Amino acid sequence: MTKEDLITAIDKAKSAFKTMMDNDPELQELKGYLVLSSPHGQFQITDDPLETLRILKEFPTMISESEFKDKGIDLIQTIQGLEGELKNAAWGKTKTEIQKKIENSSNLLNANLQKIEFQEDTFIEIRFQRPILDLIFKMQKNPFVSQVHTPQTKASILIVLGTLIELTQQVEK
């Protein structure tokens, strides 16, 4: 799944979430927010333009195995090492050389991030700052919530909107 597909899935999830909250203001009491999740971890969705970089740093299992993922991780480590050197460098030529290396590595990383692909089976879920059980159970039945991935029991507070691929392919409701 490409970065554009990821953005599409996130946009659809945000739209569904907003519609759910607008249609039932009582649900706003839950103070919900969206996360990307899998059995390997989770990542809160934000409006950060550097989200792909943050995902690679904080939730690399969400990214499909490829040379671009490996190269991205290597470049992040290189930049972090150079930033450490920069702190200890004396002013002058050495500092300028290190800054140039950081800039070059950052440019390579940004180009590499455009080629990264994401795991299609990653979920977009709703998490809650204020888990009010009756409202969560009510939300389980909402038509925007995946009835396939959201357990329909009172033993679960898991609310899944869908997988990335499902959301990408979903027709607007």
N, C-alpha and C. Protein backbone atom coordinates (compact mmCIF):
# COMPACT_ATOMS: atom_id res chain seq x y z
N MET A 1 0.84 -1.17 0.00
CA MET A 1 0.00 0.00 0.00
C MET A 1 0.90 1.24 0.00
N THR A 2 0.66 2.15 -0.92
CA THR A 2 1.49 3.34 -1.07
C THR A 2 1.13 4.40 -0.02
N LYS A 3 1.97 5.42 0.05
CA LYS A 3 1.70 6.53 0.97
C LYS A 3 0.38 7.22 0.60
N GLU A 4 0.11 7.35 -0.69
CA GLU A 4 -1.14 7.98 -1.12
C GLU A 4 -2.35 7.17 -0.65
N ASP A 5 -2.23 5.83 -0.74
CA ASP A 5 -3.30 4.95 -0.25
C ASP A 5 -3.47 5.10 1.26
N LEU A 6 -2.36 5.19 1.98
CA LEU A 6 -2.41 5.39 3.43
C LEU A 6 -3.15 6.68 3.75
N ILE A 7 -2.82 7.74 3.03
CA ILE A 7 -3.47 9.03 3.25
C ILE A 7 -4.97 8.93 2.96
N THR A 8 -5.33 8.22 1.90
CA THR A 8 -6.74 8.01 1.56
C THR A 8 -7.46 7.28 2.69
N ALA A 9 -6.86 6.21 3.19
CA ALA A 9 -7.47 5.43 4.28
C ALA A 9 -7.64 6.29 5.53
N ILE A 10 -6.61 7.05 5.88
CA ILE A 10 -6.69 7.91 7.07
C ILE A 10 -7.75 8.99 6.88
N ASP A 11 -7.81 9.59 5.70
CA ASP A 11 -8.83 10.61 5.44
C ASP A 11 -10.24 10.04 5.55
N LYS A 12 -10.45 8.84 5.02
CA LYS A 12 -11.77 8.21 5.12
C LYS A 12 -12.10 7.88 6.58
N ALA A 13 -11.12 7.42 7.33
CA ALA A 13 -11.35 7.12 8.75
C ALA A 13 -11.68 8.40 9.52
N LYS A 14 -10.95 9.48 9.25
CA LYS A 14 -11.22 10.76 9.91
C LYS A 14 -12.62 11.26 9.58
N SER A 15 -13.01 11.11 8.33
CA SER A 15 -14.34 11.54 7.90
C SER A 15 -15.43 10.72 8.59
N ALA A 16 -15.25 9.40 8.63
CA ALA A 16 -16.23 8.53 9.31
C ALA A 16 -16.31 8.87 10.79
N PHE A 17 -15.16 9.07 11.42
CA PHE A 17 -15.11 9.39 12.84
C PHE A 17 -15.82 10.72 13.11
N LYS A 18 -15.55 11.73 12.29
CA LYS A 18 -16.20 13.03 12.46
C LYS A 18 -17.71 12.91 12.29
N THR A 19 -18.14 12.17 11.28
CA THR A 19 -19.57 11.98 11.04
C THR A 19 -20.23 11.29 12.24
N MET A 20 -19.56 10.26 12.77
CA MET A 20 -20.09 9.56 13.95
C MET A 20 -20.27 10.53 15.11
N MET A 21 -19.27 11.36 15.34
CA MET A 21 -19.33 12.31 16.47
C MET A 21 -20.39 13.39 16.22
N ASP A 22 -20.48 13.86 14.98
CA ASP A 22 -21.47 14.90 14.66
C ASP A 22 -22.90 14.36 14.76
N ASN A 23 -23.10 13.11 14.34
CA ASN A 23 -24.44 12.52 14.34
C ASN A 23 -24.91 12.10 15.73
N ASP A 24 -23.97 11.91 16.64
CA ASP A 24 -24.33 11.50 18.00
C ASP A 24 -23.41 12.24 18.98
N PRO A 25 -23.75 13.50 19.30
CA PRO A 25 -22.90 14.31 20.17
C PRO A 25 -22.58 13.66 21.53
N GLU A 26 -23.42 12.74 21.98
CA GLU A 26 -23.17 12.05 23.24
C GLU A 26 -21.83 11.28 23.19
N LEU A 27 -21.46 10.80 22.00
CA LEU A 27 -20.21 10.05 21.84
C LEU A 27 -18.97 10.91 22.09
N GLN A 28 -19.14 12.22 21.99
CA GLN A 28 -18.00 13.11 22.22
C GLN A 28 -17.49 13.02 23.66
N GLU A 29 -18.33 12.55 24.55
CA GLU A 29 -17.91 12.38 25.95
C GLU A 29 -16.76 11.38 26.07
N LEU A 30 -16.63 10.48 25.11
CA LEU A 30 -15.57 9.47 25.13
C LEU A 30 -14.19 10.07 24.88
N LYS A 31 -14.17 11.26 24.27
CA LYS A 31 -12.90 11.90 23.89
C LYS A 31 -12.04 10.91 23.09
N GLY A 32 -12.62 10.43 22.00
CA GLY A 32 -11.95 9.44 21.17
C GLY A 32 -10.90 10.04 20.25
N TYR A 33 -9.99 9.19 19.82
CA TYR A 33 -8.96 9.57 18.86
C TYR A 33 -8.62 8.33 18.04
N LEU A 34 -8.01 8.55 16.88
CA LEU A 34 -7.71 7.45 15.95
C LEU A 34 -6.27 6.97 16.10
N VAL A 35 -6.10 5.65 15.97
CA VAL A 35 -4.76 5.07 15.99
C VAL A 35 -4.65 4.05 14.85
N LEU A 36 -3.43 3.87 14.37
CA LEU A 36 -3.09 2.76 13.50
C LEU A 36 -2.64 1.66 14.43
N SER A 37 -3.11 0.43 14.22
CA SER A 37 -2.72 -0.63 15.14
C SER A 37 -2.58 -1.96 14.44
N SER A 38 -1.79 -2.81 15.07
CA SER A 38 -1.61 -4.19 14.63
C SER A 38 -1.20 -4.96 15.88
N PRO A 39 -1.04 -6.27 15.77
CA PRO A 39 -0.58 -7.01 16.94
C PRO A 39 0.82 -6.57 17.40
N HIS A 40 1.53 -5.81 16.57
CA HIS A 40 2.90 -5.40 16.88
C HIS A 40 3.01 -4.03 17.53
N GLY A 41 1.91 -3.29 17.60
CA GLY A 41 1.98 -1.97 18.22
C GLY A 41 0.89 -1.06 17.72
N GLN A 42 0.99 0.20 18.14
CA GLN A 42 0.02 1.20 17.70
C GLN A 42 0.71 2.54 17.52
N PHE A 43 0.01 3.42 16.80
CA PHE A 43 0.57 4.72 16.46
C PHE A 43 -0.59 5.70 16.35
N GLN A 44 -0.57 6.76 17.15
CA GLN A 44 -1.66 7.73 17.11
C GLN A 44 -1.59 8.54 15.83
N ILE A 45 -2.73 8.66 15.16
CA ILE A 45 -2.82 9.43 13.92
C ILE A 45 -2.89 10.91 14.27
N THR A 46 -2.06 11.68 13.59
CA THR A 46 -2.03 13.14 13.77
C THR A 46 -2.11 13.81 12.41
N ASP A 47 -2.01 15.12 12.39
CA ASP A 47 -1.95 15.85 11.12
C ASP A 47 -0.52 16.23 10.77
N ASP A 48 0.44 15.52 11.35
CA ASP A 48 1.86 15.78 11.16
C ASP A 48 2.28 15.43 9.73
N PRO A 49 2.84 16.40 8.98
CA PRO A 49 3.29 16.11 7.62
C PRO A 49 4.47 15.12 7.58
N LEU A 50 5.14 14.93 8.70
CA LEU A 50 6.26 13.99 8.76
C LEU A 50 5.82 12.63 9.31
N GLU A 51 4.54 12.33 9.18
CA GLU A 51 3.98 11.11 9.75
C GLU A 51 4.70 9.85 9.25
N THR A 52 5.07 9.78 7.99
CA THR A 52 5.75 8.59 7.46
C THR A 52 7.07 8.38 8.19
N LEU A 53 7.80 9.44 8.44
CA LEU A 53 9.06 9.34 9.17
C LEU A 53 8.80 8.86 10.60
N ARG A 54 7.78 9.40 11.24
CA ARG A 54 7.44 8.98 12.60
C ARG A 54 7.02 7.51 12.63
N ILE A 55 6.27 7.08 11.62
CA ILE A 55 5.86 5.67 11.56
C ILE A 55 7.10 4.78 11.43
N LEU A 56 8.02 5.16 10.56
CA LEU A 56 9.24 4.37 10.37
C LEU A 56 10.04 4.30 11.67
N LYS A 57 10.10 5.40 12.41
CA LYS A 57 10.85 5.43 13.67
C LYS A 57 10.13 4.68 14.79
N GLU A 58 8.82 4.89 14.92
CA GLU A 58 8.09 4.42 16.10
C GLU A 58 7.30 3.13 15.88
N PHE A 59 6.95 2.80 14.64
CA PHE A 59 6.09 1.66 14.35
C PHE A 59 6.54 0.99 13.05
N PRO A 60 7.82 0.60 12.97
CA PRO A 60 8.35 0.08 11.70
C PRO A 60 7.68 -1.20 11.23
N THR A 61 7.04 -1.96 12.13
CA THR A 61 6.37 -3.19 11.68
C THR A 61 5.14 -2.88 10.83
N MET A 62 4.69 -1.63 10.81
CA MET A 62 3.57 -1.24 9.96
C MET A 62 4.01 -1.09 8.50
N ILE A 63 5.32 -1.04 8.29
CA ILE A 63 5.86 -0.83 6.95
C ILE A 63 6.27 -2.17 6.36
N SER A 64 5.89 -2.39 5.11
CA SER A 64 6.23 -3.63 4.41
C SER A 64 7.74 -3.76 4.28
N GLU A 65 8.22 -5.00 4.39
CA GLU A 65 9.65 -5.25 4.23
C GLU A 65 10.07 -4.91 2.80
N SER A 66 11.13 -4.11 2.69
CA SER A 66 11.65 -3.75 1.38
C SER A 66 13.00 -3.09 1.56
N GLU A 67 13.67 -2.89 0.45
CA GLU A 67 14.97 -2.19 0.50
C GLU A 67 14.77 -0.74 0.96
N PHE A 68 13.60 -0.17 0.67
CA PHE A 68 13.34 1.22 1.06
C PHE A 68 13.17 1.35 2.57
N LYS A 69 12.53 0.37 3.18
CA LYS A 69 12.40 0.36 4.64
C LYS A 69 13.78 0.23 5.27
N ASP A 70 14.57 -0.73 4.79
CA ASP A 70 15.92 -0.95 5.34
C ASP A 70 16.79 0.28 5.17
N LYS A 71 16.73 0.88 3.98
CA LYS A 71 17.54 2.08 3.70
C LYS A 71 17.07 3.23 4.59
N GLY A 72 15.76 3.37 4.77
CA GLY A 72 15.22 4.43 5.62
C GLY A 72 15.72 4.30 7.06
N ILE A 73 15.70 3.08 7.59
CA ILE A 73 16.18 2.86 8.96
C ILE A 73 17.67 3.17 9.06
N ASP A 74 18.43 2.75 8.05
CA ASP A 74 19.87 3.06 8.03
C ASP A 74 20.12 4.57 7.99
N LEU A 75 19.35 5.29 7.17
CA LEU A 75 19.54 6.73 7.06
C LEU A 75 19.15 7.44 8.36
N ILE A 76 18.11 6.98 9.02
CA ILE A 76 17.73 7.57 10.32
C ILE A 76 18.87 7.40 11.32
N GLN A 77 19.44 6.21 11.36
CA GLN A 77 20.56 5.97 12.28
C GLN A 77 21.77 6.82 11.92
N THR A 78 22.03 6.97 10.63
CA THR A 78 23.15 7.81 10.17
C THR A 78 22.94 9.25 10.61
N ILE A 79 21.73 9.77 10.40
CA ILE A 79 21.43 11.16 10.77
C ILE A 79 21.55 11.35 12.27
N GLN A 80 21.04 10.40 13.05
CA GLN A 80 21.15 10.51 14.50
C GLN A 80 22.61 10.51 14.95
N GLY A 81 23.43 9.67 14.32
CA GLY A 81 24.86 9.64 14.64
C GLY A 81 25.53 10.96 14.29
N LEU A 82 25.20 11.49 13.12
CA LEU A 82 25.78 12.78 12.70
C LEU A 82 25.33 13.92 13.62
N GLU A 83 24.07 13.88 14.06
CA GLU A 83 23.59 14.92 14.97
C GLU A 83 24.34 14.86 16.30
N GLY A 84 24.70 13.66 16.75
CA GLY A 84 25.53 13.51 17.95
C GLY A 84 26.91 14.09 17.74
N GLU A 85 27.49 13.81 16.57
CA GLU A 85 28.81 14.37 16.24
C GLU A 85 28.76 15.88 16.18
N LEU A 86 27.67 16.42 15.61
CA LEU A 86 27.52 17.87 15.46
C LEU A 86 27.53 18.57 16.82
N LYS A 87 26.92 17.96 17.81
CA LYS A 87 26.89 18.56 19.15
C LYS A 87 28.29 18.67 19.75
N ASN A 88 29.14 17.72 19.40
CA ASN A 88 30.49 17.69 19.96
C ASN A 88 31.53 18.36 19.07
N ALA A 89 31.13 18.78 17.89
CA ALA A 89 32.09 19.34 16.93
C ALA A 89 32.42 20.79 17.28
N ALA A 90 33.65 21.16 16.96
CA ALA A 90 34.07 22.55 17.13
C ALA A 90 33.52 23.35 15.96
N TRP A 91 33.42 24.65 16.15
CA TRP A 91 32.95 25.51 15.06
C TRP A 91 33.92 25.44 13.89
N GLY A 92 33.44 25.82 12.75
CA GLY A 92 34.31 25.89 11.58
C GLY A 92 34.01 24.80 10.59
N LYS A 93 35.09 24.37 9.92
CA LYS A 93 34.96 23.46 8.79
C LYS A 93 34.31 22.12 9.20
N THR A 94 34.68 21.57 10.33
CA THR A 94 34.15 20.28 10.76
C THR A 94 32.64 20.36 10.94
N LYS A 95 32.17 21.39 11.61
CA LYS A 95 30.74 21.55 11.86
C LYS A 95 29.99 21.72 10.53
N THR A 96 30.54 22.50 9.63
CA THR A 96 29.92 22.73 8.32
C THR A 96 29.85 21.43 7.52
N GLU A 97 30.91 20.63 7.59
CA GLU A 97 30.94 19.35 6.88
C GLU A 97 29.87 18.40 7.43
N ILE A 98 29.74 18.37 8.74
CA ILE A 98 28.74 17.49 9.36
C ILE A 98 27.33 17.96 8.99
N GLN A 99 27.11 19.27 9.02
CA GLN A 99 25.79 19.81 8.65
C GLN A 99 25.44 19.44 7.20
N LYS A 100 26.44 19.49 6.32
CA LYS A 100 26.22 19.13 4.92
C LYS A 100 25.88 17.64 4.80
N LYS A 101 26.55 16.78 5.56
CA LYS A 101 26.25 15.35 5.55
C LYS A 101 24.83 15.09 6.05
N ILE A 102 24.43 15.80 7.10
CA ILE A 102 23.07 15.66 7.63
C ILE A 102 22.06 16.08 6.58
N GLU A 103 22.31 17.19 5.91
CA GLU A 103 21.41 17.68 4.87
C GLU A 103 21.29 16.66 3.72
N ASN A 104 22.43 16.13 3.28
CA ASN A 104 22.42 15.14 2.19
C ASN A 104 21.67 13.88 2.61
N SER A 105 21.93 13.39 3.82
CA SER A 105 21.25 12.20 4.31
C SER A 105 19.76 12.45 4.48
N SER A 106 19.38 13.63 4.93
CA SER A 106 17.96 13.98 5.09
C SER A 106 17.26 14.02 3.74
N ASN A 107 17.93 14.55 2.73
CA ASN A 107 17.34 14.58 1.39
C ASN A 107 17.15 13.16 0.84
N LEU A 108 18.14 12.30 1.06
CA LEU A 108 18.01 10.90 0.63
C LEU A 108 16.87 10.21 1.39
N LEU A 109 16.76 10.49 2.68
CA LEU A 109 15.70 9.89 3.50
C LEU A 109 14.33 10.34 3.00
N ASN A 110 14.17 11.62 2.75
CA ASN A 110 12.88 12.13 2.26
C ASN A 110 12.48 11.49 0.93
N ALA A 111 13.43 11.34 0.04
CA ALA A 111 13.15 10.68 -1.25
C ALA A 111 12.78 9.21 -1.02
N ASN A 112 13.48 8.57 -0.10
CA ASN A 112 13.23 7.16 0.21
C ASN A 112 11.85 6.97 0.83
N LEU A 113 11.43 7.90 1.69
CA LEU A 113 10.13 7.80 2.36
C LEU A 113 8.97 7.79 1.37
N GLN A 114 9.15 8.39 0.21
CA GLN A 114 8.10 8.42 -0.81
C GLN A 114 7.87 7.04 -1.42
N LYS A 115 8.84 6.14 -1.27
CA LYS A 115 8.76 4.82 -1.90
C LYS A 115 8.36 3.71 -0.92
N ILE A 116 8.23 4.07 0.34
CA ILE A 116 7.88 3.08 1.36
C ILE A 116 6.43 2.64 1.17
N GLU A 117 6.18 1.37 1.42
CA GLU A 117 4.81 0.84 1.34
C GLU A 117 4.40 0.33 2.73
N PHE A 118 3.10 0.39 2.99
CA PHE A 118 2.57 0.09 4.31
C PHE A 118 1.81 -1.23 4.31
N GLN A 119 1.78 -1.89 5.46
CA GLN A 119 1.05 -3.15 5.62
C GLN A 119 -0.45 -2.88 5.47
N GLU A 120 -1.07 -3.57 4.53
CA GLU A 120 -2.49 -3.34 4.23
C GLU A 120 -3.42 -3.81 5.35
N ASP A 121 -2.95 -4.74 6.17
CA ASP A 121 -3.83 -5.29 7.20
C ASP A 121 -3.76 -4.53 8.53
N THR A 122 -3.10 -3.38 8.53
CA THR A 122 -3.06 -2.54 9.72
C THR A 122 -4.46 -1.95 9.94
N PHE A 123 -4.91 -1.97 11.18
CA PHE A 123 -6.23 -1.43 11.53
C PHE A 123 -6.17 0.06 11.80
N ILE A 124 -7.28 0.74 11.55
CA ILE A 124 -7.50 2.07 12.10
C ILE A 124 -8.60 1.89 13.14
N GLU A 125 -8.25 2.20 14.39
CA GLU A 125 -9.15 2.00 15.52
C GLU A 125 -9.43 3.33 16.21
N ILE A 126 -10.49 3.31 16.99
CA ILE A 126 -10.82 4.44 17.85
C ILE A 126 -10.41 4.04 19.26
N ARG A 127 -9.65 4.89 19.91
CA ARG A 127 -9.29 4.72 21.32
C ARG A 127 -9.95 5.85 22.10
N PHE A 128 -9.99 5.69 23.41
CA PHE A 128 -10.76 6.62 24.24
C PHE A 128 -9.95 7.14 25.42
N GLN A 129 -10.06 8.45 25.64
CA GLN A 129 -9.48 9.04 26.85
C GLN A 129 -10.41 8.80 28.03
N ARG A 130 -11.71 8.75 27.77
CA ARG A 130 -12.71 8.52 28.81
C ARG A 130 -13.57 7.31 28.39
N PRO A 131 -13.15 6.11 28.71
CA PRO A 131 -13.92 4.93 28.29
C PRO A 131 -15.23 4.78 29.10
N ILE A 132 -16.30 5.25 28.52
CA ILE A 132 -17.63 5.11 29.12
C ILE A 132 -18.28 3.91 28.43
N LEU A 133 -18.39 2.81 29.16
CA LEU A 133 -18.76 1.53 28.56
C LEU A 133 -20.07 1.57 27.79
N ASP A 134 -21.11 2.17 28.34
CA ASP A 134 -22.40 2.19 27.63
C ASP A 134 -22.28 2.87 26.27
N LEU A 135 -21.48 3.94 26.20
CA LEU A 135 -21.30 4.64 24.93
C LEU A 135 -20.44 3.83 23.96
N ILE A 136 -19.45 3.13 24.47
CA ILE A 136 -18.63 2.27 23.61
C ILE A 136 -19.47 1.14 23.03
N PHE A 137 -20.32 0.54 23.87
CA PHE A 137 -21.18 -0.54 23.37
C PHE A 137 -22.17 -0.01 22.33
N LYS A 138 -22.62 1.22 22.53
CA LYS A 138 -23.50 1.86 21.54
C LYS A 138 -22.73 2.07 20.22
N MET A 139 -21.48 2.49 20.34
CA MET A 139 -20.65 2.76 19.16
C MET A 139 -20.39 1.48 18.37
N GLN A 140 -20.32 0.32 19.04
CA GLN A 140 -20.07 -0.95 18.35
C GLN A 140 -21.08 -1.18 17.23
N LYS A 141 -22.28 -0.68 17.39
CA LYS A 141 -23.37 -0.91 16.43
C LYS A 141 -23.41 0.13 15.31
N ASN A 142 -22.57 1.16 15.41
CA ASN A 142 -22.59 2.24 14.42
C ASN A 142 -22.23 1.69 13.04
N PRO A 143 -22.93 2.13 11.99
CA PRO A 143 -22.65 1.61 10.64
C PRO A 143 -21.25 1.95 10.12
N PHE A 144 -20.58 2.94 10.69
CA PHE A 144 -19.21 3.27 10.27
C PHE A 144 -18.18 2.32 10.87
N VAL A 145 -18.56 1.58 11.89
CA VAL A 145 -17.66 0.67 12.58
C VAL A 145 -17.66 -0.67 11.87
N SER A 146 -16.48 -1.25 11.68
CA SER A 146 -16.37 -2.56 11.04
C SER A 146 -17.01 -3.62 11.93
N GLN A 147 -18.06 -4.24 11.41
CA GLN A 147 -18.72 -5.31 12.15
C GLN A 147 -17.91 -6.60 12.07
N VAL A 148 -16.99 -6.66 11.12
CA VAL A 148 -16.12 -7.84 10.96
C VAL A 148 -15.01 -7.84 12.00
N HIS A 149 -14.40 -6.69 12.24
CA HIS A 149 -13.21 -6.61 13.10
C HIS A 149 -13.51 -6.12 14.52
N THR A 150 -14.70 -5.59 14.76
CA THR A 150 -15.06 -5.11 16.09
C THR A 150 -15.89 -6.17 16.80
N PRO A 151 -15.36 -6.72 17.89
CA PRO A 151 -16.15 -7.71 18.63
C PRO A 151 -17.46 -7.09 19.12
N GLN A 152 -18.54 -7.79 18.89
CA GLN A 152 -19.87 -7.28 19.25
C GLN A 152 -20.30 -7.82 20.61
N THR A 153 -19.42 -7.69 21.60
CA THR A 153 -19.71 -8.17 22.94
C THR A 153 -19.42 -7.08 23.96
N LYS A 154 -19.97 -7.25 25.13
CA LYS A 154 -19.69 -6.31 26.21
C LYS A 154 -18.37 -6.64 26.90
N ALA A 155 -17.69 -7.65 26.41
CA ALA A 155 -16.39 -8.02 26.97
C ALA A 155 -15.26 -7.26 26.26
N SER A 156 -15.60 -6.45 25.27
CA SER A 156 -14.57 -5.77 24.48
C SER A 156 -14.90 -4.29 24.30
N ILE A 157 -13.86 -3.46 24.37
CA ILE A 157 -14.03 -2.04 24.07
C ILE A 157 -13.29 -1.68 22.78
N LEU A 158 -12.90 -2.69 22.02
CA LEU A 158 -12.21 -2.48 20.74
C LEU A 158 -13.20 -1.98 19.70
N ILE A 159 -12.89 -0.82 19.09
CA ILE A 159 -13.70 -0.26 18.02
C ILE A 159 -12.79 -0.07 16.80
N VAL A 160 -13.04 -0.85 15.75
CA VAL A 160 -12.23 -0.82 14.54
C VAL A 160 -13.06 -0.23 13.40
N LEU A 161 -12.48 0.75 12.71
CA LEU A 161 -13.15 1.30 11.52
C LEU A 161 -12.88 0.43 10.30
N GLY A 162 -11.74 -0.26 10.30
CA GLY A 162 -11.39 -1.15 9.20
C GLY A 162 -9.89 -1.26 9.04
N THR A 163 -9.46 -2.11 8.11
CA THR A 163 -8.04 -2.18 7.77
C THR A 163 -7.74 -1.08 6.76
N LEU A 164 -6.47 -0.79 6.57
CA LEU A 164 -6.10 0.25 5.60
C LEU A 164 -6.65 -0.08 4.22
N ILE A 165 -6.51 -1.33 3.79
CA ILE A 165 -6.98 -1.68 2.45
C ILE A 165 -8.49 -1.58 2.36
N GLU A 166 -9.21 -2.00 3.40
CA GLU A 166 -10.67 -1.89 3.38
C GLU A 166 -11.12 -0.44 3.30
N LEU A 167 -10.49 0.42 4.08
CA LEU A 167 -10.86 1.83 4.08
C LEU A 167 -10.53 2.49 2.74
N THR A 168 -9.39 2.11 2.16
CA THR A 168 -9.00 2.68 0.87
C THR A 168 -10.02 2.33 -0.21
N GLN A 169 -10.54 1.10 -0.17
CA GLN A 169 -11.46 0.63 -1.19
C GLN A 169 -12.92 0.98 -0.90
N GLN A 170 -13.17 1.48 0.29
CA GLN A 170 -14.54 1.76 0.73
C GLN A 170 -15.15 2.92 -0.04
N VAL A 171 -16.40 2.73 -0.42
CA VAL A 171 -17.17 3.80 -1.05
C VAL A 171 -17.69 4.68 0.06
N GLU A 172 -17.67 6.00 -0.14
CA GLU A 172 -18.13 6.93 0.89
C GLU A 172 -19.57 6.61 1.30
N LYS A 173 -19.81 6.62 2.62
CA LYS A 173 -21.15 6.36 3.15
C LYS A 173 -21.92 7.65 3.28
